[in-house]
Amino acid sequence: MKRRSIAAALSSAALACAFATPTARAGDNQDACGAVLCLAGLILGGNGGKTCAEYEASYFSIVKFRNGHFDLSGTSSARGDFLNQCQSVGSDVKGPVNSKYGAVQNGP
């Protein structure tokens, strides 16, 4: 059920982007916005190809360690902070993206 609601939210966001050209906000980090859109596309089964590779690399390069070990919560929190630099995309899209990929040490 949870997967369906996430998929519905992401599908709605994708449709909204397709039918309305969102205006980027002045404070938007373009790498963060690109990462949100590309990773949301991955969740839906898409593949952004070379275009998304740079944005995904920016997201997955954020890695935190504690006591010499990969820090799941620290990495997820830092990646969430990165995604929040994109104010043009709502938390209904950023949340599921970070829930799925935030604590993953290496990209998909």
PDB file of N, CA and C in Angstrom:
ATOM      1  N   MET A   1       0.821  -1.187   0.000  1.00  0.00           N
ATOM      2  CA  MET A   1       0.000   0.000   0.000  1.00  0.00           C
ATOM      3  C   MET A   1       0.869   1.256   0.000  1.00  0.00           C
ATOM      4  N   LYS A   2       1.950   1.214   0.805  1.00  0.00           N
ATOM      5  CA  LYS A   2       2.834   2.366   0.897  1.00  0.00           C
ATOM      6  C   LYS A   2       3.497   2.631  -0.456  1.00  0.00           C
ATOM      7  N   ARG A   3       3.886   1.558  -1.151  1.00  0.00           N
ATOM      8  CA  ARG A   3       4.526   1.709  -2.458  1.00  0.00           C
ATOM      9  C   ARG A   3       3.574   2.353  -3.452  1.00  0.00           C
ATOM     10  N   ARG A   4       2.296   1.985  -3.354  1.00  0.00           N
ATOM     11  CA  ARG A   4       1.312   2.568  -4.262  1.00  0.00           C
ATOM     12  C   ARG A   4       1.153   4.059  -4.015  1.00  0.00           C
ATOM     13  N   SER A   5       1.128   4.448  -2.753  1.00  0.00           N
ATOM     14  CA  SER A   5       0.957   5.871  -2.462  1.00  0.00           C
ATOM     15  C   SER A   5       2.189   6.664  -2.891  1.00  0.00           C
ATOM     16  N   ILE A   6       3.372   6.079  -2.736  1.00  0.00           N
ATOM     17  CA  ILE A   6       4.594   6.743  -3.191  1.00  0.00           C
ATOM     18  C   ILE A   6       4.575   6.855  -4.711  1.00  0.00           C
ATOM     19  N   ALA A   7       4.217   5.759  -5.374  1.00  0.00           N
ATOM     20  CA  ALA A   7       4.161   5.783  -6.835  1.00  0.00           C
ATOM     21  C   ALA A   7       3.124   6.789  -7.323  1.00  0.00           C
ATOM     22  N   ALA A   8       1.990   6.853  -6.636  1.00  0.00           N
ATOM     23  CA  ALA A   8       0.948   7.812  -7.023  1.00  0.00           C
ATOM     24  C   ALA A   8       1.443   9.245  -6.854  1.00  0.00           C
ATOM     25  N   ALA A   9       2.140   9.505  -5.752  1.00  0.00           N
ATOM     26  CA  ALA A   9       2.663  10.853  -5.513  1.00  0.00           C
ATOM     27  C   ALA A   9       3.698  11.232  -6.569  1.00  0.00           C
ATOM     28  N   LEU A  10       4.587  10.292  -6.883  1.00  0.00           N
ATOM     29  CA  LEU A  10       5.609  10.576  -7.884  1.00  0.00           C
ATOM     30  C   LEU A  10       5.002  10.721  -9.274  1.00  0.00           C
ATOM     31  N   SER A  11       4.009   9.898  -9.574  1.00  0.00           N
ATOM     32  CA  SER A  11       3.332  10.013 -10.871  1.00  0.00           C
ATOM     33  C   SER A  11       2.632  11.356 -10.993  1.00  0.00           C
ATOM     34  N   SER A  12       1.984  11.766  -9.919  1.00  0.00           N
ATOM     35  CA  SER A  12       1.306  13.062  -9.921  1.00  0.00           C
ATOM     36  C   SER A  12       2.301  14.192 -10.136  1.00  0.00           C
ATOM     37  N   ALA A  13       3.440  14.086  -9.481  1.00  0.00           N
ATOM     38  CA  ALA A  13       4.464  15.117  -9.635  1.00  0.00           C
ATOM     39  C   ALA A  13       5.004  15.136 -11.059  1.00  0.00           C
ATOM     40  N   ALA A  14       5.206  13.956 -11.633  1.00  0.00           N
ATOM     41  CA  ALA A  14       5.705  13.886 -13.005  1.00  0.00           C
ATOM     42  C   ALA A  14       4.696  14.480 -13.980  1.00  0.00           C
ATOM     43  N   LEU A  15       3.421  14.185 -13.773  1.00  0.00           N
ATOM     44  CA  LEU A  15       2.388  14.748 -14.636  1.00  0.00           C
ATOM     45  C   LEU A  15       2.306  16.260 -14.483  1.00  0.00           C
ATOM     46  N   ALA A  16       2.436  16.723 -13.261  1.00  0.00           N
ATOM     47  CA  ALA A  16       2.394  18.166 -13.027  1.00  0.00           C
ATOM     48  C   ALA A  16       3.548  18.856 -13.746  1.00  0.00           C
ATOM     49  N   CYS A  17       4.711  18.228 -13.729  1.00  0.00           N
ATOM     50  CA  CYS A  17       5.868  18.796 -14.430  1.00  0.00           C
ATOM     51  C   CYS A  17       5.660  18.775 -15.941  1.00  0.00           C
ATOM     52  N   ALA A  18       5.004  17.737 -16.424  1.00  0.00           N
ATOM     53  CA  ALA A  18       4.794  17.617 -17.866  1.00  0.00           C
ATOM     54  C   ALA A  18       3.805  18.653 -18.382  1.00  0.00           C
ATOM     55  N   PHE A  19       2.794  18.980 -17.585  1.00  0.00           N
ATOM     56  CA  PHE A  19       1.746  19.882 -18.042  1.00  0.00           C
ATOM     57  C   PHE A  19       1.961  21.339 -17.649  1.00  0.00           C
ATOM     58  N   ALA A  20       2.802  21.573 -16.691  1.00  0.00           N
ATOM     59  CA  ALA A  20       3.070  22.946 -16.264  1.00  0.00           C
ATOM     60  C   ALA A  20       4.575  23.126 -16.171  1.00  0.00           C
ATOM     61  N   THR A  21       5.070  24.151 -16.769  1.00  0.00           N
ATOM     62  CA  THR A  21       6.494  24.417 -16.701  1.00  0.00           C
ATOM     63  C   THR A  21       6.772  25.164 -15.407  1.00  0.00           C
ATOM     64  N   PRO A  22       7.370  24.476 -14.443  1.00  0.00           N
ATOM     65  CA  PRO A  22       7.630  25.140 -13.175  1.00  0.00           C
ATOM     66  C   PRO A  22       8.733  26.180 -13.333  1.00  0.00           C
ATOM     67  N   THR A  23       8.584  27.258 -12.625  1.00  0.00           N
ATOM     68  CA  THR A  23       9.622  28.273 -12.656  1.00  0.00           C
ATOM     69  C   THR A  23      10.601  27.990 -11.536  1.00  0.00           C
ATOM     70  N   ALA A  24      11.854  27.988 -11.884  1.00  0.00           N
ATOM     71  CA  ALA A  24      12.884  27.748 -10.888  1.00  0.00           C
ATOM     72  C   ALA A  24      12.926  28.930  -9.936  1.00  0.00           C
ATOM     73  N   ARG A  25      13.110  28.646  -8.698  1.00  0.00           N
ATOM     74  CA  ARG A  25      13.228  29.710  -7.703  1.00  0.00           C
ATOM     75  C   ARG A  25      14.658  30.202  -7.665  1.00  0.00           C
ATOM     76  N   ALA A  26      14.813  31.417  -7.239  1.00  0.00           N
ATOM     77  CA  ALA A  26      16.133  32.051  -7.234  1.00  0.00           C
ATOM     78  C   ALA A  26      17.137  31.280  -6.391  1.00  0.00           C
ATOM     79  N   GLY A  27      16.696  30.691  -5.281  1.00  0.00           N
ATOM     80  CA  GLY A  27      17.613  29.999  -4.390  1.00  0.00           C
ATOM     81  C   GLY A  27      17.827  28.537  -4.714  1.00  0.00           C
ATOM     82  N   ASP A  28      17.264  28.072  -5.828  1.00  0.00           N
ATOM     83  CA  ASP A  28      17.379  26.656  -6.170  1.00  0.00           C
ATOM     84  C   ASP A  28      18.810  26.261  -6.511  1.00  0.00           C
ATOM     85  N   ASN A  29      19.211  25.111  -6.017  1.00  0.00           N
ATOM     86  CA  ASN A  29      20.466  24.488  -6.397  1.00  0.00           C
ATOM     87  C   ASN A  29      20.123  23.560  -7.561  1.00  0.00           C
ATOM     88  N   GLN A  30      20.633  23.852  -8.745  1.00  0.00           N
ATOM     89  CA  GLN A  30      20.260  23.087  -9.938  1.00  0.00           C
ATOM     90  C   GLN A  30      20.692  21.628  -9.848  1.00  0.00           C
ATOM     91  N   ASP A  31      21.820  21.354  -9.180  1.00  0.00           N
ATOM     92  CA  ASP A  31      22.237  19.961  -8.991  1.00  0.00           C
ATOM     93  C   ASP A  31      21.235  19.215  -8.125  1.00  0.00           C
ATOM     94  N   ALA A  32      20.738  19.877  -7.088  1.00  0.00           N
ATOM     95  CA  ALA A  32      19.754  19.242  -6.208  1.00  0.00           C
ATOM     96  C   ALA A  32      18.454  18.983  -6.955  1.00  0.00           C
ATOM     97  N   CYS A  33      18.000  19.944  -7.744  1.00  0.00           N
ATOM     98  CA  CYS A  33      16.760  19.766  -8.510  1.00  0.00           C
ATOM     99  C   CYS A  33      16.911  18.653  -9.536  1.00  0.00           C
ATOM    100  N   GLY A  34      18.055  18.607 -10.197  1.00  0.00           N
ATOM    101  CA  GLY A  34      18.309  17.535 -11.158  1.00  0.00           C
ATOM    102  C   GLY A  34      18.335  16.179 -10.486  1.00  0.00           C
ATOM    103  N   ALA A  35      18.949  16.115  -9.297  1.00  0.00           N
ATOM    104  CA  ALA A  35      19.002  14.851  -8.565  1.00  0.00           C
ATOM    105  C   ALA A  35      17.607  14.389  -8.175  1.00  0.00           C
ATOM    106  N   VAL A  36      16.763  15.306  -7.709  1.00  0.00           N
ATOM    107  CA  VAL A  36      15.396  14.944  -7.327  1.00  0.00           C
ATOM    108  C   VAL A  36      14.660  14.356  -8.523  1.00  0.00           C
ATOM    109  N   LEU A  37      14.704  15.049  -9.645  1.00  0.00           N
ATOM    110  CA  LEU A  37      13.961  14.594 -10.820  1.00  0.00           C
ATOM    111  C   LEU A  37      14.498  13.276 -11.365  1.00  0.00           C
ATOM    112  N   CYS A  38      15.807  13.134 -11.422  1.00  0.00           N
ATOM    113  CA  CYS A  38      16.386  11.897 -11.953  1.00  0.00           C
ATOM    114  C   CYS A  38      16.126  10.703 -11.039  1.00  0.00           C
ATOM    115  N   LEU A  39      16.278  10.894  -9.740  1.00  0.00           N
ATOM    116  CA  LEU A  39      16.056   9.785  -8.814  1.00  0.00           C
ATOM    117  C   LEU A  39      14.581   9.428  -8.708  1.00  0.00           C
ATOM    118  N   ALA A  40      13.702  10.418  -8.814  1.00  0.00           N
ATOM    119  CA  ALA A  40      12.266  10.120  -8.846  1.00  0.00           C
ATOM    120  C   ALA A  40      11.938   9.320 -10.098  1.00  0.00           C
ATOM    121  N   GLY A  41      12.593   9.638 -11.191  1.00  0.00           N
ATOM    122  CA  GLY A  41      12.411   8.871 -12.420  1.00  0.00           C
ATOM    123  C   GLY A  41      12.877   7.437 -12.272  1.00  0.00           C
ATOM    124  N   LEU A  42      13.985   7.228 -11.548  1.00  0.00           N
ATOM    125  CA  LEU A  42      14.462   5.868 -11.296  1.00  0.00           C
ATOM    126  C   LEU A  42      13.441   5.064 -10.500  1.00  0.00           C
ATOM    127  N   ILE A  43      12.829   5.700  -9.515  1.00  0.00           N
ATOM    128  CA  ILE A  43      11.819   5.014  -8.707  1.00  0.00           C
ATOM    129  C   ILE A  43      10.666   4.552  -9.587  1.00  0.00           C
ATOM    130  N   LEU A  44      10.334   5.361 -10.580  1.00  0.00           N
ATOM    131  CA  LEU A  44       9.227   5.025 -11.478  1.00  0.00           C
ATOM    132  C   LEU A  44       9.649   4.083 -12.600  1.00  0.00           C
ATOM    133  N   GLY A  45      10.918   3.678 -12.614  1.00  0.00           N
ATOM    134  CA  GLY A  45      11.382   2.725 -13.609  1.00  0.00           C
ATOM    135  C   GLY A  45      12.060   3.345 -14.804  1.00  0.00           C
ATOM    136  N   GLY A  46      12.280   4.644 -14.765  1.00  0.00           N
ATOM    137  CA  GLY A  46      12.926   5.321 -15.881  1.00  0.00           C
ATOM    138  C   GLY A  46      14.434   5.250 -15.791  1.00  0.00           C
ATOM    139  N   ASN A  47      15.075   5.804 -16.801  1.00  0.00           N
ATOM    140  CA  ASN A  47      16.525   5.864 -16.844  1.00  0.00           C
ATOM    141  C   ASN A  47      16.894   7.160 -17.554  1.00  0.00           C
ATOM    142  N   GLY A  48      17.512   8.066 -16.829  1.00  0.00           N
ATOM    143  CA  GLY A  48      17.856   9.355 -17.403  1.00  0.00           C
ATOM    144  C   GLY A  48      19.091   9.340 -18.266  1.00  0.00           C
ATOM    145  N   GLY A  49      19.809   8.229 -18.269  1.00  0.00           N
ATOM    146  CA  GLY A  49      21.007   8.116 -19.096  1.00  0.00           C
ATOM    147  C   GLY A  49      22.107   9.069 -18.671  1.00  0.00           C
ATOM    148  N   LYS A  50      22.861   9.547 -19.650  1.00  0.00           N
ATOM    149  CA  LYS A  50      24.004  10.420 -19.376  1.00  0.00           C
ATOM    150  C   LYS A  50      23.582  11.726 -18.718  1.00  0.00           C
ATOM    151  N   THR A  51      22.395  12.191 -19.052  1.00  0.00           N
ATOM    152  CA  THR A  51      21.920  13.452 -18.487  1.00  0.00           C
ATOM    153  C   THR A  51      21.828  13.368 -16.973  1.00  0.00           C
ATOM    154  N   CYS A  52      21.362  12.241 -16.471  1.00  0.00           N
ATOM    155  CA  CYS A  52      21.165  12.089 -15.028  1.00  0.00           C
ATOM    156  C   CYS A  52      22.417  11.632 -14.290  1.00  0.00           C
ATOM    157  N   ALA A  53      23.395  11.108 -14.989  1.00  0.00           N
ATOM    158  CA  ALA A  53      24.575  10.555 -14.326  1.00  0.00           C
ATOM    159  C   ALA A  53      25.260  11.580 -13.421  1.00  0.00           C
ATOM    160  N   GLU A  54      25.386  12.813 -13.883  1.00  0.00           N
ATOM    161  CA  GLU A  54      26.050  13.853 -13.092  1.00  0.00           C
ATOM    162  C   GLU A  54      25.241  14.200 -11.840  1.00  0.00           C
ATOM    163  N   TYR A  55      23.924  14.306 -11.997  1.00  0.00           N
ATOM    164  CA  TYR A  55      23.071  14.639 -10.855  1.00  0.00           C
ATOM    165  C   TYR A  55      23.062  13.517  -9.824  1.00  0.00           C
ATOM    166  N   GLU A  56      23.004  12.282 -10.292  1.00  0.00           N
ATOM    167  CA  GLU A  56      23.034  11.141  -9.382  1.00  0.00           C
ATOM    168  C   GLU A  56      24.374  11.072  -8.661  1.00  0.00           C
ATOM    169  N   ALA A  57      25.463  11.355  -9.385  1.00  0.00           N
ATOM    170  CA  ALA A  57      26.792  11.346  -8.769  1.00  0.00           C
ATOM    171  C   ALA A  57      26.894  12.411  -7.679  1.00  0.00           C
ATOM    172  N   SER A  58      26.291  13.581  -7.911  1.00  0.00           N
ATOM    173  CA  SER A  58      26.298  14.638  -6.890  1.00  0.00           C
ATOM    174  C   SER A  58      25.606  14.162  -5.622  1.00  0.00           C
ATOM    175  N   TYR A  59      24.484  13.482  -5.782  1.00  0.00           N
ATOM    176  CA  TYR A  59      23.708  12.992  -4.636  1.00  0.00           C
ATOM    177  C   TYR A  59      24.460  11.879  -3.903  1.00  0.00           C
ATOM    178  N   PHE A  60      24.945  10.888  -4.649  1.00  0.00           N
ATOM    179  CA  PHE A  60      25.585   9.738  -4.015  1.00  0.00           C
ATOM    180  C   PHE A  60      27.001  10.025  -3.536  1.00  0.00           C
ATOM    181  N   SER A  61      27.575  11.172  -3.915  1.00  0.00           N
ATOM    182  CA  SER A  61      28.896  11.535  -3.396  1.00  0.00           C
ATOM    183  C   SER A  61      28.810  12.047  -1.961  1.00  0.00           C
ATOM    184  N   ILE A  62      27.608  12.320  -1.493  1.00  0.00           N
ATOM    185  CA  ILE A  62      27.411  12.767  -0.112  1.00  0.00           C
ATOM    186  C   ILE A  62      27.383  11.526   0.771  1.00  0.00           C
ATOM    187  N   VAL A  63      28.471  11.300   1.486  1.00  0.00           N
ATOM    188  CA  VAL A  63      28.611  10.108   2.322  1.00  0.00           C
ATOM    189  C   VAL A  63      29.205  10.536   3.657  1.00  0.00           C
ATOM    190  N   LYS A  64      28.600  10.102   4.735  1.00  0.00           N
ATOM    191  CA  LYS A  64      29.090  10.415   6.076  1.00  0.00           C
ATOM    192  C   LYS A  64      29.575   9.131   6.750  1.00  0.00           C
ATOM    193  N   PHE A  65      30.643   9.273   7.510  1.00  0.00           N
ATOM    194  CA  PHE A  65      31.188   8.154   8.270  1.00  0.00           C
ATOM    195  C   PHE A  65      31.242   8.542   9.743  1.00  0.00           C
ATOM    196  N   ARG A  66      31.079   7.547  10.603  1.00  0.00           N
ATOM    197  CA  ARG A  66      31.214   7.760  12.044  1.00  0.00           C
ATOM    198  C   ARG A  66      32.026   6.599  12.592  1.00  0.00           C
ATOM    199  N   ASN A  67      33.072   6.925  13.296  1.00  0.00           N
ATOM    200  CA  ASN A  67      33.982   5.926  13.853  1.00  0.00           C
ATOM    201  C   ASN A  67      34.510   4.992  12.770  1.00  0.00           C
ATOM    202  N   GLY A  68      34.764   5.543  11.592  1.00  0.00           N
ATOM    203  CA  GLY A  68      35.333   4.771  10.501  1.00  0.00           C
ATOM    204  C   GLY A  68      34.354   3.901   9.738  1.00  0.00           C
ATOM    205  N   HIS A  69      33.061   3.991  10.065  1.00  0.00           N
ATOM    206  CA  HIS A  69      32.045   3.171   9.403  1.00  0.00           C
ATOM    207  C   HIS A  69      31.001   4.064   8.745  1.00  0.00           C
ATOM    208  N   PHE A  70      30.401   3.536   7.697  1.00  0.00           N
ATOM    209  CA  PHE A  70      29.343   4.244   6.986  1.00  0.00           C
ATOM    210  C   PHE A  70      28.217   4.589   7.952  1.00  0.00           C
ATOM    211  N   ASP A  71      27.839   5.851   8.005  1.00  0.00           N
ATOM    212  CA  ASP A  71      26.793   6.336   8.911  1.00  0.00           C
ATOM    213  C   ASP A  71      25.480   6.469   8.136  1.00  0.00           C
ATOM    214  N   LEU A  72      24.578   5.506   8.331  1.00  0.00           N
ATOM    215  CA  LEU A  72      23.305   5.493   7.605  1.00  0.00           C
ATOM    216  C   LEU A  72      22.495   6.756   7.840  1.00  0.00           C
ATOM    217  N   SER A  73      22.259   7.081   9.102  1.00  0.00           N
ATOM    218  CA  SER A  73      21.392   8.225   9.404  1.00  0.00           C
ATOM    219  C   SER A  73      22.066   9.549   9.050  1.00  0.00           C
ATOM    220  N   GLY A  74      23.354   9.652   9.278  1.00  0.00           N
ATOM    221  CA  GLY A  74      24.074  10.876   8.933  1.00  0.00           C
ATOM    222  C   GLY A  74      24.085  11.129   7.434  1.00  0.00           C
ATOM    223  N   THR A  75      24.294  10.061   6.668  1.00  0.00           N
ATOM    224  CA  THR A  75      24.290  10.184   5.211  1.00  0.00           C
ATOM    225  C   THR A  75      22.906  10.553   4.713  1.00  0.00           C
ATOM    226  N   SER A  76      21.896   9.878   5.232  1.00  0.00           N
ATOM    227  CA  SER A  76      20.521  10.161   4.817  1.00  0.00           C
ATOM    228  C   SER A  76      20.135  11.601   5.145  1.00  0.00           C
ATOM    229  N   SER A  77      20.515  12.063   6.311  1.00  0.00           N
ATOM    230  CA  SER A  77      20.210  13.431   6.722  1.00  0.00           C
ATOM    231  C   SER A  77      20.918  14.453   5.824  1.00  0.00           C
ATOM    232  N   ALA A  78      22.192  14.218   5.544  1.00  0.00           N
ATOM    233  CA  ALA A  78      22.953  15.139   4.696  1.00  0.00           C
ATOM    234  C   ALA A  78      22.401  15.155   3.269  1.00  0.00           C
ATOM    235  N   ARG A  79      22.013  13.992   2.769  1.00  0.00           N
ATOM    236  CA  ARG A  79      21.434  13.935   1.423  1.00  0.00           C
ATOM    237  C   ARG A  79      20.065  14.612   1.392  1.00  0.00           C
ATOM    238  N   GLY A  80      19.307  14.467   2.468  1.00  0.00           N
ATOM    239  CA  GLY A  80      18.023  15.161   2.559  1.00  0.00           C
ATOM    240  C   GLY A  80      18.208  16.668   2.554  1.00  0.00           C
ATOM    241  N   ASP A  81      19.225  17.142   3.272  1.00  0.00           N
ATOM    242  CA  ASP A  81      19.535  18.576   3.275  1.00  0.00           C
ATOM    243  C   ASP A  81      19.900  19.054   1.869  1.00  0.00           C
ATOM    244  N   PHE A  82      20.647  18.224   1.144  1.00  0.00           N
ATOM    245  CA  PHE A  82      21.006  18.559  -0.236  1.00  0.00           C
ATOM    246  C   PHE A  82      19.755  18.677  -1.105  1.00  0.00           C
ATOM    247  N   LEU A  83      18.853  17.697  -1.021  1.00  0.00           N
ATOM    248  CA  LEU A  83      17.628  17.735  -1.826  1.00  0.00           C
ATOM    249  C   LEU A  83      16.763  18.937  -1.465  1.00  0.00           C
ATOM    250  N   ASN A  84      16.781  19.335  -0.204  1.00  0.00           N
ATOM    251  CA  ASN A  84      15.972  20.478   0.230  1.00  0.00           C
ATOM    252  C   ASN A  84      16.475  21.809  -0.327  1.00  0.00           C
ATOM    253  N   GLN A  85      17.639  21.810  -0.950  1.00  0.00           N
ATOM    254  CA  GLN A  85      18.130  23.016  -1.615  1.00  0.00           C
ATOM    255  C   GLN A  85      17.355  23.296  -2.897  1.00  0.00           C
ATOM    256  N   CYS A  86      16.543  22.332  -3.323  1.00  0.00           N
ATOM    257  CA  CYS A  86      15.671  22.524  -4.479  1.00  0.00           C
ATOM    258  C   CYS A  86      14.285  22.859  -3.947  1.00  0.00           C
ATOM    259  N   GLN A  87      13.965  24.145  -3.946  1.00  0.00           N
ATOM    260  CA  GLN A  87      12.695  24.603  -3.391  1.00  0.00           C
ATOM    261  C   GLN A  87      11.552  24.473  -4.388  1.00  0.00           C
ATOM    262  N   SER A  88      11.863  24.249  -5.658  1.00  0.00           N
ATOM    263  CA  SER A  88      10.829  24.153  -6.691  1.00  0.00           C
ATOM    264  C   SER A  88      10.067  22.837  -6.645  1.00  0.00           C
ATOM    265  N   VAL A  89      10.644  21.835  -6.009  1.00  0.00           N
ATOM    266  CA  VAL A  89      10.022  20.515  -5.919  1.00  0.00           C
ATOM    267  C   VAL A  89       9.541  20.317  -4.492  1.00  0.00           C
ATOM    268  N   GLY A  90       8.341  19.803  -4.351  1.00  0.00           N
ATOM    269  CA  GLY A  90       7.739  19.626  -3.035  1.00  0.00           C
ATOM    270  C   GLY A  90       8.316  18.459  -2.257  1.00  0.00           C
ATOM    271  N   SER A  91       8.067  18.484  -0.964  1.00  0.00           N
ATOM    272  CA  SER A  91       8.549  17.412  -0.094  1.00  0.00           C
ATOM    273  C   SER A  91       7.852  16.089  -0.390  1.00  0.00           C
ATOM    274  N   ASP A  92       6.695  16.143  -1.079  1.00  0.00           N
ATOM    275  CA  ASP A  92       6.009  14.908  -1.449  1.00  0.00           C
ATOM    276  C   ASP A  92       6.798  14.116  -2.486  1.00  0.00           C
ATOM    277  N   VAL A  93       7.744  14.743  -3.153  1.00  0.00           N
ATOM    278  CA  VAL A  93       8.621  14.049  -4.099  1.00  0.00           C
ATOM    279  C   VAL A  93       9.984  13.800  -3.457  1.00  0.00           C
ATOM    280  N   LYS A  94      10.516  14.805  -2.759  1.00  0.00           N
ATOM    281  CA  LYS A  94      11.841  14.670  -2.156  1.00  0.00           C
ATOM    282  C   LYS A  94      11.866  13.611  -1.059  1.00  0.00           C
ATOM    283  N   GLY A  95      10.799  13.519  -0.284  1.00  0.00           N
ATOM    284  CA  GLY A  95      10.742  12.545   0.808  1.00  0.00           C
ATOM    285  C   GLY A  95      10.900  11.110   0.337  1.00  0.00           C
ATOM    286  N   PRO A  96      10.084  10.662  -0.628  1.00  0.00           N
ATOM    287  CA  PRO A  96      10.229   9.288  -1.114  1.00  0.00           C
ATOM    288  C   PRO A  96      11.591   9.012  -1.759  1.00  0.00           C
ATOM    289  N   VAL A  97      12.149  10.011  -2.435  1.00  0.00           N
ATOM    290  CA  VAL A  97      13.469   9.830  -3.047  1.00  0.00           C
ATOM    291  C   VAL A  97      14.498   9.578  -1.958  1.00  0.00           C
ATOM    292  N   ASN A  98      14.500  10.404  -0.917  1.00  0.00           N
ATOM    293  CA  ASN A  98      15.494  10.233   0.140  1.00  0.00           C
ATOM    294  C   ASN A  98      15.211   8.992   0.980  1.00  0.00           C
ATOM    295  N   SER A  99      13.950   8.611   1.108  1.00  0.00           N
ATOM    296  CA  SER A  99      13.627   7.383   1.837  1.00  0.00           C
ATOM    297  C   SER A  99      14.207   6.164   1.131  1.00  0.00           C
ATOM    298  N   LYS A 100      14.161   6.174  -0.185  1.00  0.00           N
ATOM    299  CA  LYS A 100      14.657   5.027  -0.952  1.00  0.00           C
ATOM    300  C   LYS A 100      16.180   5.027  -1.068  1.00  0.00           C
ATOM    301  N   TYR A 101      16.776   6.176  -1.322  1.00  0.00           N
ATOM    302  CA  TYR A 101      18.206   6.229  -1.634  1.00  0.00           C
ATOM    303  C   TYR A 101      19.073   6.907  -0.572  1.00  0.00           C
ATOM    304  N   GLY A 102      18.487   7.519   0.439  1.00  0.00           N
ATOM    305  CA  GLY A 102      19.254   8.295   1.405  1.00  0.00           C
ATOM    306  C   GLY A 102      20.309   7.521   2.161  1.00  0.00           C
ATOM    307  N   ALA A 103      20.022   6.276   2.519  1.00  0.00           N
ATOM    308  CA  ALA A 103      20.959   5.488   3.311  1.00  0.00           C
ATOM    309  C   ALA A 103      21.704   4.446   2.476  1.00  0.00           C
ATOM    310  N   VAL A 104      21.651   4.582   1.155  1.00  0.00           N
ATOM    311  CA  VAL A 104      22.363   3.662   0.265  1.00  0.00           C
ATOM    312  C   VAL A 104      23.787   4.179   0.104  1.00  0.00           C
ATOM    313  N   GLN A 105      24.762   3.313   0.381  1.00  0.00           N
ATOM    314  CA  GLN A 105      26.141   3.787   0.333  1.00  0.00           C
ATOM    315  C   GLN A 105      26.582   4.117  -1.087  1.00  0.00           C
ATOM    316  N   ASN A 106      26.255   3.275  -2.032  1.00  0.00           N
ATOM    317  CA  ASN A 106      26.627   3.493  -3.432  1.00  0.00           C
ATOM    318  C   ASN A 106      25.368   3.592  -4.266  1.00  0.00           C
ATOM    319  N   GLY A 107      25.448   4.321  -5.369  1.00  0.00           N
ATOM    320  CA  GLY A 107      24.288   4.512  -6.231  1.00  0.00           C
ATOM    321  C   GLY A 107      23.776   3.228  -6.856  1.00  0.00           C
ATOM    322  N   PRO A 108      22.569   3.319  -7.403  1.00  0.00           N
ATOM    323  CA  PRO A 108      21.954   2.124  -8.005  1.00  0.00           C
ATOM    324  C   PRO A 108      22.674   1.661  -9.261  1.00  0.00           C
TER     325      PRO A 108
END
